[in-house]
Amino acid sequence: MPEPVLKVDNLVVRYGGRKGAGTTVIDDVSFDLHAGETLSLVGESGSGKTTIGRAVLGLAPVTAGSITFRGETISNISRARRRKVAREIQVIFQDPYSSLNPSMQVEDILVEPLVATGSGSGRTRVRELLDAVGLPADSGGRYPREFSGGQRQRIAIARALALDPSVIICDEPTSALDVTTQARVLTLLQDIQRQTGVAYLFISHDLGVVNEVSDRIAVLHQGRIAEIGKAHDVATNPQHPYTRRLQMAAPVADPKKQRIRRAKRLQLDTAELSDVKGNP
């Protein structure tokens, strides 16, 4: 099997305090990501999934462990080296409304990373990017406020693609969108992956969503990986109690199935509460 493009080993992220004190947000997390693969980090708010993405991007300190990209350690590297890595590791943020500069035209938003890395003005590249994400050719002369939420997220995807990265961190990229738009954006991301071979580190709270787009799923609970495996196995036959709760919390369109799922979740919670009382 080829070497992973991104590898996280025994990662620890701790904020505040000295000599081991403070709050540990990520505790001994390890995983790898291969070219053309989608690995999803799933968990509720506060589970640590976004912090892992920030650590990979160099936006959160690595207290212990390591992060390597193509065999090179990139945790806690200098700003100059981080700029070089940034060409290869890009990000799509959750909120398409706040992630784009409202005072810049779309063309300038897409050209900005090209100019910043010395790739030239890239006007031809802008047209290629707009076409790649399914936006009209004249979109470059418009402002973000002139687009819908789904279209803005397509612009954000185009910006992430501008430098032909090897890895894109997708931080809840569809959670701010309606269901129909969400499906279209997910399909777009899958199409882009098939065409380019880019790897996705996909961050989400929705086990149902990631089952549709992932090769593997890692479930985060209180800063640790509770379960990791093939997407279908984790999503449909979870082994960890926390993963089962996530599965039961995912909404389904059928009201009858939803009632059954809620009843099973109540049974699980009651059983776990009994265990706690019986084992103080």
C-alpha atoms as a PDB file:
ATOM      1  CA  MET A   1       0.000   0.000   0.000  1.00  0.00           C
ATOM      2  CA  PRO A   2       1.395   3.456  -0.871  1.00  0.00           C
ATOM      3  CA  GLU A   3       2.541   5.772   1.874  1.00  0.00           C
ATOM      4  CA  PRO A   4      -0.184   8.067   3.274  1.00  0.00           C
ATOM      5  CA  VAL A   5      -0.166  11.662   2.144  1.00  0.00           C
ATOM      6  CA  LEU A   6      -1.041  12.794   5.688  1.00  0.00           C
ATOM      7  CA  LYS A   7      -0.273  10.987   8.937  1.00  0.00           C
ATOM      8  CA  VAL A   8      -1.197  11.923  12.497  1.00  0.00           C
ATOM      9  CA  ASP A   9       0.603  10.040  15.297  1.00  0.00           C
ATOM     10  CA  ASN A  10      -0.364  10.181  18.977  1.00  0.00           C
ATOM     11  CA  LEU A  11      -1.538  13.772  18.646  1.00  0.00           C
ATOM     12  CA  VAL A  12      -2.111  15.757  21.834  1.00  0.00           C
ATOM     13  CA  VAL A  13      -3.443  19.320  21.868  1.00  0.00           C
ATOM     14  CA  ARG A  14      -3.566  21.059  25.228  1.00  0.00           C
ATOM     15  CA  TYR A  15      -4.492  24.669  25.939  1.00  0.00           C
ATOM     16  CA  GLY A  16      -3.355  26.739  28.906  1.00  0.00           C
ATOM     17  CA  GLY A  17      -1.334  25.852  31.974  1.00  0.00           C
ATOM     18  CA  ARG A  18       2.248  24.694  32.292  1.00  0.00           C
ATOM     19  CA  LYS A  19       4.043  21.414  32.867  1.00  0.00           C
ATOM     20  CA  GLY A  20       1.098  19.227  31.938  1.00  0.00           C
ATOM     21  CA  ALA A  21      -1.622  21.459  33.376  1.00  0.00           C
ATOM     22  CA  GLY A  22      -4.385  23.053  31.335  1.00  0.00           C
ATOM     23  CA  THR A  23      -7.179  21.573  29.250  1.00  0.00           C
ATOM     24  CA  THR A  24      -6.478  18.606  27.001  1.00  0.00           C
ATOM     25  CA  VAL A  25      -8.647  18.881  23.897  1.00  0.00           C
ATOM     26  CA  ILE A  26      -7.065  16.094  21.825  1.00  0.00           C
ATOM     27  CA  ASP A  27      -5.574  13.071  23.557  1.00  0.00           C
ATOM     28  CA  ASP A  28      -3.448  10.463  21.748  1.00  0.00           C
ATOM     29  CA  VAL A  29      -5.168  10.557  18.344  1.00  0.00           C
ATOM     30  CA  SER A  30      -3.656   8.663  15.404  1.00  0.00           C
ATOM     31  CA  PHE A  31      -4.817   8.154  11.810  1.00  0.00           C
ATOM     32  CA  ASP A  32      -3.578   8.376   8.236  1.00  0.00           C
ATOM     33  CA  LEU A  33      -5.032   9.689   4.987  1.00  0.00           C
ATOM     34  CA  HIS A  34      -4.182   8.437   1.497  1.00  0.00           C
ATOM     35  CA  ALA A  35      -4.364  10.180  -1.873  1.00  0.00           C
ATOM     36  CA  GLY A  36      -7.877  10.112  -3.319  1.00  0.00           C
ATOM     37  CA  GLU A  37      -9.391   9.003  -0.007  1.00  0.00           C
ATOM     38  CA  THR A  38     -12.015  10.634   2.200  1.00  0.00           C
ATOM     39  CA  LEU A  39     -11.541  10.128   5.924  1.00  0.00           C
ATOM     40  CA  SER A  40     -14.282  11.682   8.027  1.00  0.00           C
ATOM     41  CA  LEU A  41     -13.912  12.844  11.620  1.00  0.00           C
ATOM     42  CA  VAL A  42     -17.338  12.643  13.250  1.00  0.00           C
ATOM     43  CA  GLY A  43     -18.529  13.704  16.672  1.00  0.00           C
ATOM     44  CA  GLU A  44     -20.693  16.116  18.575  1.00  0.00           C
ATOM     45  CA  SER A  45     -19.678  19.689  19.359  1.00  0.00           C
ATOM     46  CA  GLY A  46     -16.665  19.718  21.637  1.00  0.00           C
ATOM     47  CA  SER A  47     -15.445  16.272  20.609  1.00  0.00           C
ATOM     48  CA  GLY A  48     -12.236  17.722  19.170  1.00  0.00           C
ATOM     49  CA  LYS A  49     -12.737  17.097  15.460  1.00  0.00           C
ATOM     50  CA  THR A  50     -12.306  20.729  14.386  1.00  0.00           C
ATOM     51  CA  THR A  51      -9.254  21.111  16.633  1.00  0.00           C
ATOM     52  CA  ILE A  52      -7.583  18.256  14.744  1.00  0.00           C
ATOM     53  CA  GLY A  53      -8.218  20.078  11.463  1.00  0.00           C
ATOM     54  CA  ARG A  54      -6.789  23.271  12.935  1.00  0.00           C
ATOM     55  CA  ALA A  55      -3.703  21.411  14.134  1.00  0.00           C
ATOM     56  CA  VAL A  56      -3.112  20.036  10.633  1.00  0.00           C
ATOM     57  CA  LEU A  57      -3.425  23.577   9.267  1.00  0.00           C
ATOM     58  CA  GLY A  58      -1.006  24.926  11.877  1.00  0.00           C
ATOM     59  CA  LEU A  59      -3.722  26.956  13.608  1.00  0.00           C
ATOM     60  CA  ALA A  60      -3.676  24.953  16.859  1.00  0.00           C
ATOM     61  CA  PRO A  61      -0.541  24.075  18.846  1.00  0.00           C
ATOM     62  CA  VAL A  62       0.679  20.485  18.909  1.00  0.00           C
ATOM     63  CA  THR A  63       1.545  19.661  22.515  1.00  0.00           C
ATOM     64  CA  ALA A  64       2.758  16.129  21.790  1.00  0.00           C
ATOM     65  CA  GLY A  65       2.806  13.638  18.955  1.00  0.00           C
ATOM     66  CA  SER A  66       3.395  14.545  15.330  1.00  0.00           C
ATOM     67  CA  ILE A  67       1.723  15.434  12.042  1.00  0.00           C
ATOM     68  CA  THR A  68       3.551  14.506   8.832  1.00  0.00           C
ATOM     69  CA  PHE A  69       2.783  15.417   5.235  1.00  0.00           C
ATOM     70  CA  ARG A  70       4.421  13.259   2.567  1.00  0.00           C
ATOM     71  CA  GLY A  71       6.868  12.044   5.207  1.00  0.00           C
ATOM     72  CA  GLU A  72       7.833  15.540   6.415  1.00  0.00           C
ATOM     73  CA  THR A  73       6.925  16.680   9.916  1.00  0.00           C
ATOM     74  CA  ILE A  74       4.690  19.772   9.716  1.00  0.00           C
ATOM     75  CA  SER A  75       3.627  20.155  13.345  1.00  0.00           C
ATOM     76  CA  ASN A  76       4.936  23.356  14.949  1.00  0.00           C
ATOM     77  CA  ILE A  77       7.015  24.312  11.888  1.00  0.00           C
ATOM     78  CA  SER A  78       8.215  27.825  11.056  1.00  0.00           C
ATOM     79  CA  ARG A  79       5.964  30.324   9.314  1.00  0.00           C
ATOM     80  CA  ALA A  80       8.062  30.161   6.132  1.00  0.00           C
ATOM     81  CA  ARG A  81       7.754  26.374   5.914  1.00  0.00           C
ATOM     82  CA  ARG A  82       4.042  26.600   6.744  1.00  0.00           C
ATOM     83  CA  ARG A  83       3.471  28.860   3.723  1.00  0.00           C
ATOM     84  CA  LYS A  84       4.956  26.168   1.476  1.00  0.00           C
ATOM     85  CA  VAL A  85       2.781  23.481   3.056  1.00  0.00           C
ATOM     86  CA  ALA A  86      -0.285  25.706   2.631  1.00  0.00           C
ATOM     87  CA  ARG A  87      -0.060  25.200  -1.127  1.00  0.00           C
ATOM     88  CA  GLU A  88      -0.711  21.498  -0.585  1.00  0.00           C
ATOM     89  CA  ILE A  89      -3.207  21.585   2.302  1.00  0.00           C
ATOM     90  CA  GLN A  90      -6.255  23.794   1.852  1.00  0.00           C
ATOM     91  CA  VAL A  91      -9.513  24.221   3.773  1.00  0.00           C
ATOM     92  CA  ILE A  92     -13.222  24.747   3.114  1.00  0.00           C
ATOM     93  CA  PHE A  93     -14.886  26.410   6.083  1.00  0.00           C
ATOM     94  CA  GLN A  94     -18.350  25.786   7.467  1.00  0.00           C
ATOM     95  CA  ASP A  95     -20.007  29.130   6.827  1.00  0.00           C
ATOM     96  CA  PRO A  96     -20.026  30.264   3.184  1.00  0.00           C
ATOM     97  CA  TYR A  97     -21.350  33.659   4.261  1.00  0.00           C
ATOM     98  CA  SER A  98     -18.415  34.640   6.484  1.00  0.00           C
ATOM     99  CA  SER A  99     -15.570  32.765   4.765  1.00  0.00           C
ATOM    100  CA  LEU A 100     -15.552  35.067   1.710  1.00  0.00           C
ATOM    101  CA  ASN A 101     -14.491  38.722   1.788  1.00  0.00           C
ATOM    102  CA  PRO A 102     -17.684  40.665   0.928  1.00  0.00           C
ATOM    103  CA  SER A 103     -15.705  43.617  -0.457  1.00  0.00           C
ATOM    104  CA  MET A 104     -13.874  41.533  -3.080  1.00  0.00           C
ATOM    105  CA  GLN A 105     -15.175  40.319  -6.405  1.00  0.00           C
ATOM    106  CA  VAL A 106     -15.107  36.549  -6.942  1.00  0.00           C
ATOM    107  CA  GLU A 107     -12.277  36.797  -9.467  1.00  0.00           C
ATOM    108  CA  ASP A 108     -10.091  38.613  -6.936  1.00  0.00           C
ATOM    109  CA  ILE A 109     -10.954  36.045  -4.250  1.00  0.00           C
ATOM    110  CA  LEU A 110      -9.796  33.225  -6.513  1.00  0.00           C
ATOM    111  CA  VAL A 111      -6.718  35.051  -7.779  1.00  0.00           C
ATOM    112  CA  GLU A 112      -5.536  35.997  -4.276  1.00  0.00           C
ATOM    113  CA  PRO A 113      -3.962  32.615  -3.348  1.00  0.00           C
ATOM    114  CA  LEU A 114      -2.327  32.396  -6.784  1.00  0.00           C
ATOM    115  CA  VAL A 115      -0.702  35.801  -6.409  1.00  0.00           C
ATOM    116  CA  ALA A 116       0.291  35.124  -2.780  1.00  0.00           C
ATOM    117  CA  THR A 117       2.229  32.021  -3.843  1.00  0.00           C
ATOM    118  CA  GLY A 118       3.796  33.585  -6.923  1.00  0.00           C
ATOM    119  CA  SER A 119       1.654  31.685  -9.394  1.00  0.00           C
ATOM    120  CA  GLY A 120       0.884  34.753 -11.507  1.00  0.00           C
ATOM    121  CA  SER A 121      -2.374  36.590 -12.024  1.00  0.00           C
ATOM    122  CA  GLY A 122      -4.185  33.417 -13.005  1.00  0.00           C
ATOM    123  CA  ARG A 123      -7.126  34.966 -14.875  1.00  0.00           C
ATOM    124  CA  THR A 124      -7.362  31.899 -17.086  1.00  0.00           C
ATOM    125  CA  ARG A 125      -7.206  29.739 -13.997  1.00  0.00           C
ATOM    126  CA  VAL A 126     -10.199  31.609 -12.568  1.00  0.00           C
ATOM    127  CA  ARG A 127     -12.354  30.602 -15.513  1.00  0.00           C
ATOM    128  CA  GLU A 128     -11.197  26.999 -15.119  1.00  0.00           C
ATOM    129  CA  LEU A 129     -12.093  27.029 -11.416  1.00  0.00           C
ATOM    130  CA  LEU A 130     -15.536  28.523 -11.994  1.00  0.00           C
ATOM    131  CA  ASP A 131     -16.239  25.878 -14.595  1.00  0.00           C
ATOM    132  CA  ALA A 132     -14.977  23.136 -12.270  1.00  0.00           C
ATOM    133  CA  VAL A 133     -17.497  24.073  -9.561  1.00  0.00           C
ATOM    134  CA  GLY A 134     -20.388  24.640 -11.965  1.00  0.00           C
ATOM    135  CA  LEU A 135     -20.632  28.434 -11.837  1.00  0.00           C
ATOM    136  CA  PRO A 136     -21.228  30.708 -14.856  1.00  0.00           C
ATOM    137  CA  ALA A 137     -18.184  32.239 -16.530  1.00  0.00           C
ATOM    138  CA  ASP A 138     -19.364  35.760 -15.659  1.00  0.00           C
ATOM    139  CA  SER A 139     -19.393  34.985 -11.925  1.00  0.00           C
ATOM    140  CA  GLY A 140     -15.891  36.421 -11.546  1.00  0.00           C
ATOM    141  CA  GLY A 141     -17.126  39.995 -11.852  1.00  0.00           C
ATOM    142  CA  ARG A 142     -19.733  39.659  -9.103  1.00  0.00           C
ATOM    143  CA  TYR A 143     -19.596  39.946  -5.311  1.00  0.00           C
ATOM    144  CA  PRO A 144     -20.310  37.133  -2.813  1.00  0.00           C
ATOM    145  CA  ARG A 145     -23.532  38.841  -1.669  1.00  0.00           C
ATOM    146  CA  GLU A 146     -24.986  38.271  -5.148  1.00  0.00           C
ATOM    147  CA  PHE A 147     -24.917  34.491  -4.716  1.00  0.00           C
ATOM    148  CA  SER A 148     -26.958  31.959  -2.762  1.00  0.00           C
ATOM    149  CA  GLY A 149     -25.451  29.983   0.124  1.00  0.00           C
ATOM    150  CA  GLY A 150     -24.792  26.964  -2.071  1.00  0.00           C
ATOM    151  CA  GLN A 151     -23.158  29.101  -4.752  1.00  0.00           C
ATOM    152  CA  ARG A 152     -20.967  30.802  -2.163  1.00  0.00           C
ATOM    153  CA  GLN A 153     -19.797  27.426  -0.935  1.00  0.00           C
ATOM    154  CA  ARG A 154     -18.942  26.531  -4.532  1.00  0.00           C
ATOM    155  CA  ILE A 155     -16.802  29.683  -4.647  1.00  0.00           C
ATOM    156  CA  ALA A 156     -15.096  28.582  -1.423  1.00  0.00           C
ATOM    157  CA  ILE A 157     -14.451  25.165  -2.976  1.00  0.00           C
ATOM    158  CA  ALA A 158     -12.996  26.844  -6.073  1.00  0.00           C
ATOM    159  CA  ARG A 159     -10.671  28.888  -3.872  1.00  0.00           C
ATOM    160  CA  ALA A 160      -9.507  25.743  -2.085  1.00  0.00           C
ATOM    161  CA  LEU A 161      -8.787  24.119  -5.473  1.00  0.00           C
ATOM    162  CA  ALA A 162      -6.863  27.095  -6.873  1.00  0.00           C
ATOM    163  CA  LEU A 163      -3.411  25.747  -5.980  1.00  0.00           C
ATOM    164  CA  ASP A 164      -4.115  22.098  -6.871  1.00  0.00           C
ATOM    165  CA  PRO A 165      -3.748  20.868  -3.276  1.00  0.00           C
ATOM    166  CA  SER A 166      -3.166  17.266  -2.274  1.00  0.00           C
ATOM    167  CA  VAL A 167      -5.387  17.535   0.821  1.00  0.00           C
ATOM    168  CA  ILE A 168      -8.488  19.606   1.535  1.00  0.00           C
ATOM    169  CA  ILE A 169      -9.877  19.856   5.046  1.00  0.00           C
ATOM    170  CA  CYS A 170     -13.657  20.137   4.763  1.00  0.00           C
ATOM    171  CA  ASP A 171     -14.843  21.629   8.051  1.00  0.00           C
ATOM    172  CA  GLU A 172     -18.617  21.036   8.163  1.00  0.00           C
ATOM    173  CA  PRO A 173     -18.883  22.332   4.564  1.00  0.00           C
ATOM    174  CA  THR A 174     -22.592  21.561   4.174  1.00  0.00           C
ATOM    175  CA  SER A 175     -24.032  22.094   7.667  1.00  0.00           C
ATOM    176  CA  ALA A 176     -25.139  25.671   6.886  1.00  0.00           C
ATOM    177  CA  LEU A 177     -26.988  24.597   3.714  1.00  0.00           C
ATOM    178  CA  ASP A 178     -30.460  23.212   3.100  1.00  0.00           C
ATOM    179  CA  VAL A 179     -30.804  19.501   2.343  1.00  0.00           C
ATOM    180  CA  THR A 180     -31.090  19.857  -1.442  1.00  0.00           C
ATOM    181  CA  THR A 181     -28.127  22.220  -1.713  1.00  0.00           C
ATOM    182  CA  GLN A 182     -26.172  20.029   0.674  1.00  0.00           C
ATOM    183  CA  ALA A 183     -26.589  17.028  -1.634  1.00  0.00           C
ATOM    184  CA  ARG A 184     -25.424  19.027  -4.645  1.00  0.00           C
ATOM    185  CA  VAL A 185     -22.307  20.278  -2.872  1.00  0.00           C
ATOM    186  CA  LEU A 186     -21.435  16.755  -1.678  1.00  0.00           C
ATOM    187  CA  THR A 187     -21.832  15.439  -5.221  1.00  0.00           C
ATOM    188  CA  LEU A 188     -19.574  18.239  -6.476  1.00  0.00           C
ATOM    189  CA  LEU A 189     -16.889  17.332  -3.929  1.00  0.00           C
ATOM    190  CA  GLN A 190     -17.027  13.682  -4.984  1.00  0.00           C
ATOM    191  CA  ASP A 191     -16.778  14.617  -8.674  1.00  0.00           C
ATOM    192  CA  ILE A 192     -13.762  16.822  -7.997  1.00  0.00           C
ATOM    193  CA  GLN A 193     -12.076  14.038  -6.049  1.00  0.00           C
ATOM    194  CA  ARG A 194     -12.549  11.561  -8.892  1.00  0.00           C
ATOM    195  CA  GLN A 195     -11.082  14.053 -11.365  1.00  0.00           C
ATOM    196  CA  THR A 196      -8.124  15.290  -9.299  1.00  0.00           C
ATOM    197  CA  GLY A 197      -7.284  12.567  -6.776  1.00  0.00           C
ATOM    198  CA  VAL A 198      -7.396  15.063  -3.904  1.00  0.00           C
ATOM    199  CA  ALA A 199      -7.751  13.625  -0.390  1.00  0.00           C
ATOM    200  CA  TYR A 200     -10.424  14.969   1.956  1.00  0.00           C
ATOM    201  CA  LEU A 201     -10.309  15.176   5.732  1.00  0.00           C
ATOM    202  CA  PHE A 202     -14.047  15.664   6.184  1.00  0.00           C
ATOM    203  CA  ILE A 203     -15.267  17.036   9.522  1.00  0.00           C
ATOM    204  CA  SER A 204     -18.914  16.610  10.469  1.00  0.00           C
ATOM    205  CA  HIS A 205     -21.348  15.927  13.294  1.00  0.00           C
ATOM    206  CA  ASP A 206     -23.679  13.940  11.011  1.00  0.00           C
ATOM    207  CA  LEU A 207     -22.904  10.233  10.700  1.00  0.00           C
ATOM    208  CA  GLY A 208     -25.486   9.852   7.933  1.00  0.00           C
ATOM    209  CA  VAL A 209     -23.893  12.532   5.749  1.00  0.00           C
ATOM    210  CA  VAL A 210     -20.367  11.175   6.022  1.00  0.00           C
ATOM    211  CA  ASN A 211     -21.518   7.652   5.238  1.00  0.00           C
ATOM    212  CA  GLU A 212     -22.428   8.913   1.765  1.00  0.00           C
ATOM    213  CA  VAL A 213     -19.045  10.473   0.983  1.00  0.00           C
ATOM    214  CA  SER A 214     -16.411   8.649   3.060  1.00  0.00           C
ATOM    215  CA  ASP A 215     -14.084   5.729   2.573  1.00  0.00           C
ATOM    216  CA  ARG A 216     -13.384   5.552   6.298  1.00  0.00           C
ATOM    217  CA  ILE A 217     -14.868   7.158   9.405  1.00  0.00           C
ATOM    218  CA  ALA A 218     -13.176   8.020  12.689  1.00  0.00           C
ATOM    219  CA  VAL A 219     -15.565   8.789  15.549  1.00  0.00           C
ATOM    220  CA  LEU A 220     -14.270  11.380  18.036  1.00  0.00           C
ATOM    221  CA  HIS A 221     -15.469  11.388  21.639  1.00  0.00           C
ATOM    222  CA  GLN A 222     -13.994  13.644  24.310  1.00  0.00           C
ATOM    223  CA  GLY A 223     -10.823  14.190  22.322  1.00  0.00           C
ATOM    224  CA  ARG A 224     -10.148  10.521  21.586  1.00  0.00           C
ATOM    225  CA  ILE A 225     -10.983   8.189  18.703  1.00  0.00           C
ATOM    226  CA  ALA A 226     -13.764   5.937  19.953  1.00  0.00           C
ATOM    227  CA  GLU A 227     -13.999   3.944  16.731  1.00  0.00           C
ATOM    228  CA  ILE A 228     -12.435   3.945  13.269  1.00  0.00           C
ATOM    229  CA  GLY A 229     -13.098   1.765  10.248  1.00  0.00           C
ATOM    230  CA  LYS A 230     -14.697   1.473   6.842  1.00  0.00           C
ATOM    231  CA  ALA A 231     -17.484   4.008   6.410  1.00  0.00           C
ATOM    232  CA  HIS A 232     -20.296   1.541   5.822  1.00  0.00           C
ATOM    233  CA  ASP A 233     -19.286  -0.620   8.788  1.00  0.00           C
ATOM    234  CA  VAL A 234     -19.048   2.267  11.239  1.00  0.00           C
ATOM    235  CA  ALA A 235     -22.247   3.952  10.042  1.00  0.00           C
ATOM    236  CA  THR A 236     -24.455   0.862   9.847  1.00  0.00           C
ATOM    237  CA  ASN A 237     -22.951  -1.495  12.433  1.00  0.00           C
ATOM    238  CA  PRO A 238     -21.230   0.662  15.070  1.00  0.00           C
ATOM    239  CA  GLN A 239     -19.365  -1.131  17.844  1.00  0.00           C
ATOM    240  CA  HIS A 240     -18.885   1.692  20.355  1.00  0.00           C
ATOM    241  CA  PRO A 241     -21.853   2.910  22.449  1.00  0.00           C
ATOM    242  CA  TYR A 242     -21.096   6.531  21.573  1.00  0.00           C
ATOM    243  CA  THR A 243     -21.162   5.730  17.848  1.00  0.00           C
ATOM    244  CA  ARG A 244     -24.503   3.977  18.310  1.00  0.00           C
ATOM    245  CA  ARG A 245     -25.911   7.119  19.913  1.00  0.00           C
ATOM    246  CA  LEU A 246     -24.706   9.185  16.974  1.00  0.00           C
ATOM    247  CA  GLN A 247     -26.329   6.713  14.609  1.00  0.00           C
ATOM    248  CA  MET A 248     -29.654   6.897  16.444  1.00  0.00           C
ATOM    249  CA  ALA A 249     -29.518  10.698  16.594  1.00  0.00           C
ATOM    250  CA  ALA A 250     -29.279  11.030  12.812  1.00  0.00           C
ATOM    251  CA  PRO A 251     -32.665  12.112  11.351  1.00  0.00           C
ATOM    252  CA  VAL A 252     -34.516   9.849   8.924  1.00  0.00           C
ATOM    253  CA  ALA A 253     -37.339  10.780   6.565  1.00  0.00           C
ATOM    254  CA  ASP A 254     -39.675   7.965   7.675  1.00  0.00           C
ATOM    255  CA  PRO A 255     -41.550   8.995  10.894  1.00  0.00           C
ATOM    256  CA  LYS A 256     -42.068   5.350  11.914  1.00  0.00           C
ATOM    257  CA  LYS A 257     -38.360   4.563  11.587  1.00  0.00           C
ATOM    258  CA  GLN A 258     -37.549   7.763  13.473  1.00  0.00           C
ATOM    259  CA  ARG A 259     -39.780   6.688  16.412  1.00  0.00           C
ATOM    260  CA  ILE A 260     -38.116   3.258  16.486  1.00  0.00           C
ATOM    261  CA  ARG A 261     -34.690   4.859  16.457  1.00  0.00           C
ATOM    262  CA  ARG A 262     -35.576   7.208  19.311  1.00  0.00           C
ATOM    263  CA  ALA A 263     -36.894   4.280  21.363  1.00  0.00           C
ATOM    264  CA  LYS A 264     -33.661   2.344  20.814  1.00  0.00           C
ATOM    265  CA  ARG A 265     -31.602   5.371  21.804  1.00  0.00           C
ATOM    266  CA  LEU A 266     -33.639   5.720  25.008  1.00  0.00           C
ATOM    267  CA  GLN A 267     -33.025   2.041  25.781  1.00  0.00           C
ATOM    268  CA  LEU A 268     -29.300   2.485  25.219  1.00  0.00           C
ATOM    269  CA  ASP A 269     -29.123   5.576  27.446  1.00  0.00           C
ATOM    270  CA  THR A 270     -31.129   3.802  30.175  1.00  0.00           C
ATOM    271  CA  ALA A 271     -28.848   0.760  30.031  1.00  0.00           C
ATOM    272  CA  GLU A 272     -25.716   2.905  30.289  1.00  0.00           C
ATOM    273  CA  LEU A 273     -27.201   4.841  33.225  1.00  0.00           C
ATOM    274  CA  SER A 274     -27.918   1.546  34.988  1.00  0.00           C
ATOM    275  CA  ASP A 275     -24.320   0.449  34.439  1.00  0.00           C
ATOM    276  CA  VAL A 276     -23.054   3.683  35.967  1.00  0.00           C
ATOM    277  CA  LYS A 277     -25.292   3.291  39.033  1.00  0.00           C
ATOM    278  CA  GLY A 278     -24.327  -0.358  39.427  1.00  0.00           C
ATOM    279  CA  ASN A 279     -20.594   0.374  39.072  1.00  0.00           C
ATOM    280  CA  PRO A 280     -19.846   3.506  41.078  1.00  0.00           C
END
